[in-house]
């Protein structure tokens, strides 16, 4: 494992790239689902609905991916205080998801 820390500008660039690419991919997935739904307007295609749902799910997942990336960067840089803070945020997110799923 490398002992060199990432520069703050490099971390921000990495996070910006993750969010930018993720946004484009999610938008393209939703657009693909919408285009597929245009082919059969009377009965919607299940795959079109699933694609739109997957794109929306990816939009929801992007902030979680950012926290996961920050957690791994903090661990790699041995910045344990921020790694613990990111881990607590992840636990809160996952606890909220679990409560939401289990309460149905």
C-alpha atoms as a PDB file:
ATOM      1  CA  UNK A   1       0.000   0.000   0.000  1.00  0.00           C
ATOM      2  CA  UNK A   2       1.263   3.443  -0.850  1.00  0.00           C
ATOM      3  CA  UNK A   3       1.996   5.827   1.988  1.00  0.00           C
ATOM      4  CA  UNK A   4       1.545   8.975  -0.090  1.00  0.00           C
ATOM      5  CA  UNK A   5      -1.584  10.937   0.634  1.00  0.00           C
ATOM      6  CA  UNK A   6      -3.822  12.206  -2.132  1.00  0.00           C
ATOM      7  CA  UNK A   7      -3.791  15.977  -2.503  1.00  0.00           C
ATOM      8  CA  UNK A   8      -7.100  17.679  -1.674  1.00  0.00           C
ATOM      9  CA  UNK A   9      -7.456  18.903  -5.263  1.00  0.00           C
ATOM     10  CA  UNK A  10      -6.938  15.366  -6.532  1.00  0.00           C
ATOM     11  CA  UNK A  11      -9.603  14.014  -4.159  1.00  0.00           C
ATOM     12  CA  UNK A  12     -12.088  16.648  -5.274  1.00  0.00           C
ATOM     13  CA  UNK A  13     -11.303  15.875  -8.918  1.00  0.00           C
ATOM     14  CA  UNK A  14     -11.861  12.161  -8.295  1.00  0.00           C
ATOM     15  CA  UNK A  15     -15.187  12.820  -6.558  1.00  0.00           C
ATOM     16  CA  UNK A  16     -16.303  15.210  -9.292  1.00  0.00           C
ATOM     17  CA  UNK A  17     -15.458  12.619 -11.949  1.00  0.00           C
ATOM     18  CA  UNK A  18     -17.411   9.923 -10.094  1.00  0.00           C
ATOM     19  CA  UNK A  19     -20.500  12.112  -9.798  1.00  0.00           C
ATOM     20  CA  UNK A  20     -20.213  13.414 -13.370  1.00  0.00           C
ATOM     21  CA  UNK A  21     -19.873   9.975 -14.956  1.00  0.00           C
ATOM     22  CA  UNK A  22     -22.569   8.551 -12.679  1.00  0.00           C
ATOM     23  CA  UNK A  23     -24.974  11.325 -13.623  1.00  0.00           C
ATOM     24  CA  UNK A  24     -24.380  10.786 -17.336  1.00  0.00           C
ATOM     25  CA  UNK A  25     -24.791   7.011 -17.050  1.00  0.00           C
ATOM     26  CA  UNK A  26     -28.016   7.354 -15.050  1.00  0.00           C
ATOM     27  CA  UNK A  27     -29.360   9.919 -17.514  1.00  0.00           C
ATOM     28  CA  UNK A  28     -28.547   7.670 -20.477  1.00  0.00           C
ATOM     29  CA  UNK A  29     -30.231   4.696 -18.800  1.00  0.00           C
ATOM     30  CA  UNK A  30     -33.382   6.734 -18.142  1.00  0.00           C
ATOM     31  CA  UNK A  31     -33.327   8.109 -21.699  1.00  0.00           C
ATOM     32  CA  UNK A  32     -32.997   4.575 -23.053  1.00  0.00           C
ATOM     33  CA  UNK A  33     -36.000   3.482 -21.039  1.00  0.00           C
ATOM     34  CA  UNK A  34     -38.034   6.439 -22.242  1.00  0.00           C
ATOM     35  CA  UNK A  35     -37.097   5.771 -25.874  1.00  0.00           C
ATOM     36  CA  UNK A  36     -38.087   2.117 -25.499  1.00  0.00           C
ATOM     37  CA  UNK A  37     -41.430   3.154 -24.037  1.00  0.00           C
ATOM     38  CA  UNK A  38     -42.143   5.202 -27.174  1.00  0.00           C
ATOM     39  CA  UNK A  39     -42.083   2.082 -29.370  1.00  0.00           C
ATOM     40  CA  UNK A  40     -45.169   0.597 -27.792  1.00  0.00           C
ATOM     41  CA  UNK A  41     -47.426   3.306 -26.412  1.00  0.00           C
ATOM     42  CA  UNK A  42     -50.513   1.150 -25.804  1.00  0.00           C
ATOM     43  CA  UNK A  43     -48.910  -1.362 -23.469  1.00  0.00           C
ATOM     44  CA  UNK A  44     -45.700  -0.199 -21.802  1.00  0.00           C
ATOM     45  CA  UNK A  45     -42.723  -2.489 -22.132  1.00  0.00           C
ATOM     46  CA  UNK A  46     -41.614  -3.906 -18.777  1.00  0.00           C
ATOM     47  CA  UNK A  47     -37.954  -3.453 -19.734  1.00  0.00           C
ATOM     48  CA  UNK A  48     -38.538   0.266 -20.367  1.00  0.00           C
ATOM     49  CA  UNK A  49     -40.025   0.708 -16.911  1.00  0.00           C
ATOM     50  CA  UNK A  50     -37.176  -1.289 -15.388  1.00  0.00           C
ATOM     51  CA  UNK A  51     -34.578   0.857 -17.160  1.00  0.00           C
ATOM     52  CA  UNK A  52     -36.136   4.082 -15.913  1.00  0.00           C
ATOM     53  CA  UNK A  53     -36.311   2.634 -12.407  1.00  0.00           C
ATOM     54  CA  UNK A  54     -32.653   1.546 -12.605  1.00  0.00           C
ATOM     55  CA  UNK A  55     -31.616   5.035 -13.707  1.00  0.00           C
ATOM     56  CA  UNK A  56     -33.470   6.640 -10.825  1.00  0.00           C
ATOM     57  CA  UNK A  57     -31.921   4.089  -8.479  1.00  0.00           C
ATOM     58  CA  UNK A  58     -28.464   5.023  -9.760  1.00  0.00           C
ATOM     59  CA  UNK A  59     -29.203   8.696  -9.067  1.00  0.00           C
ATOM     60  CA  UNK A  60     -30.106   7.714  -5.503  1.00  0.00           C
ATOM     61  CA  UNK A  61     -26.974   5.561  -5.202  1.00  0.00           C
ATOM     62  CA  UNK A  62     -24.506   8.269  -6.308  1.00  0.00           C
ATOM     63  CA  UNK A  63     -24.237  10.094  -2.940  1.00  0.00           C
ATOM     64  CA  UNK A  64     -23.772   6.746  -1.212  1.00  0.00           C
ATOM     65  CA  UNK A  65     -20.971   5.902  -3.645  1.00  0.00           C
ATOM     66  CA  UNK A  66     -19.375   9.240  -2.793  1.00  0.00           C
ATOM     67  CA  UNK A  67     -19.349   8.395   0.922  1.00  0.00           C
ATOM     68  CA  UNK A  68     -17.917   4.933   0.169  1.00  0.00           C
ATOM     69  CA  UNK A  69     -15.180   6.502  -1.966  1.00  0.00           C
ATOM     70  CA  UNK A  70     -14.363   9.028   0.754  1.00  0.00           C
ATOM     71  CA  UNK A  71     -14.232   6.226   3.330  1.00  0.00           C
ATOM     72  CA  UNK A  72     -11.724   4.266   1.238  1.00  0.00           C
ATOM     73  CA  UNK A  73      -9.621   7.374   0.574  1.00  0.00           C
ATOM     74  CA  UNK A  74      -9.513   8.205   4.276  1.00  0.00           C
ATOM     75  CA  UNK A  75      -8.513   4.649   5.133  1.00  0.00           C
ATOM     76  CA  UNK A  76      -5.847   4.646   2.448  1.00  0.00           C
ATOM     77  CA  UNK A  77      -4.458   7.948   3.733  1.00  0.00           C
ATOM     78  CA  UNK A  78      -4.673   6.642   7.327  1.00  0.00           C
ATOM     79  CA  UNK A  79      -6.868   9.552   8.338  1.00  0.00           C
ATOM     80  CA  UNK A  80      -8.806   7.490  10.842  1.00  0.00           C
ATOM     81  CA  UNK A  81     -10.911  10.277  12.352  1.00  0.00           C
ATOM     82  CA  UNK A  82     -12.519  11.071   8.999  1.00  0.00           C
ATOM     83  CA  UNK A  83     -12.712   7.370   8.136  1.00  0.00           C
ATOM     84  CA  UNK A  84     -14.734   6.770  11.297  1.00  0.00           C
ATOM     85  CA  UNK A  85     -16.990   9.725  10.455  1.00  0.00           C
ATOM     86  CA  UNK A  86     -17.574   8.333   6.945  1.00  0.00           C
ATOM     87  CA  UNK A  87     -18.237   4.880   8.428  1.00  0.00           C
ATOM     88  CA  UNK A  88     -20.826   6.354  10.802  1.00  0.00           C
ATOM     89  CA  UNK A  89     -22.534   8.097   7.874  1.00  0.00           C
ATOM     90  CA  UNK A  90     -22.587   4.795   5.962  1.00  0.00           C
ATOM     91  CA  UNK A  91     -24.046   2.987   8.973  1.00  0.00           C
ATOM     92  CA  UNK A  92     -26.772   5.625   9.274  1.00  0.00           C
ATOM     93  CA  UNK A  93     -27.578   5.293   5.570  1.00  0.00           C
ATOM     94  CA  UNK A  94     -27.706   1.498   5.721  1.00  0.00           C
ATOM     95  CA  UNK A  95     -29.750   1.562   8.946  1.00  0.00           C
ATOM     96  CA  UNK A  96     -32.237   3.905   7.283  1.00  0.00           C
ATOM     97  CA  UNK A  97     -32.463   1.590   4.279  1.00  0.00           C
ATOM     98  CA  UNK A  98     -32.953  -1.442   6.518  1.00  0.00           C
ATOM     99  CA  UNK A  99     -35.660   0.288   8.543  1.00  0.00           C
ATOM    100  CA  UNK A 100     -37.390   1.324   5.343  1.00  0.00           C
ATOM    101  CA  UNK A 101     -37.308  -2.196   3.916  1.00  0.00           C
ATOM    102  CA  UNK A 102     -38.318  -3.909   7.155  1.00  0.00           C
ATOM    103  CA  UNK A 103     -41.186  -1.527   7.908  1.00  0.00           C
ATOM    104  CA  UNK A 104     -43.139  -2.513   4.805  1.00  0.00           C
END
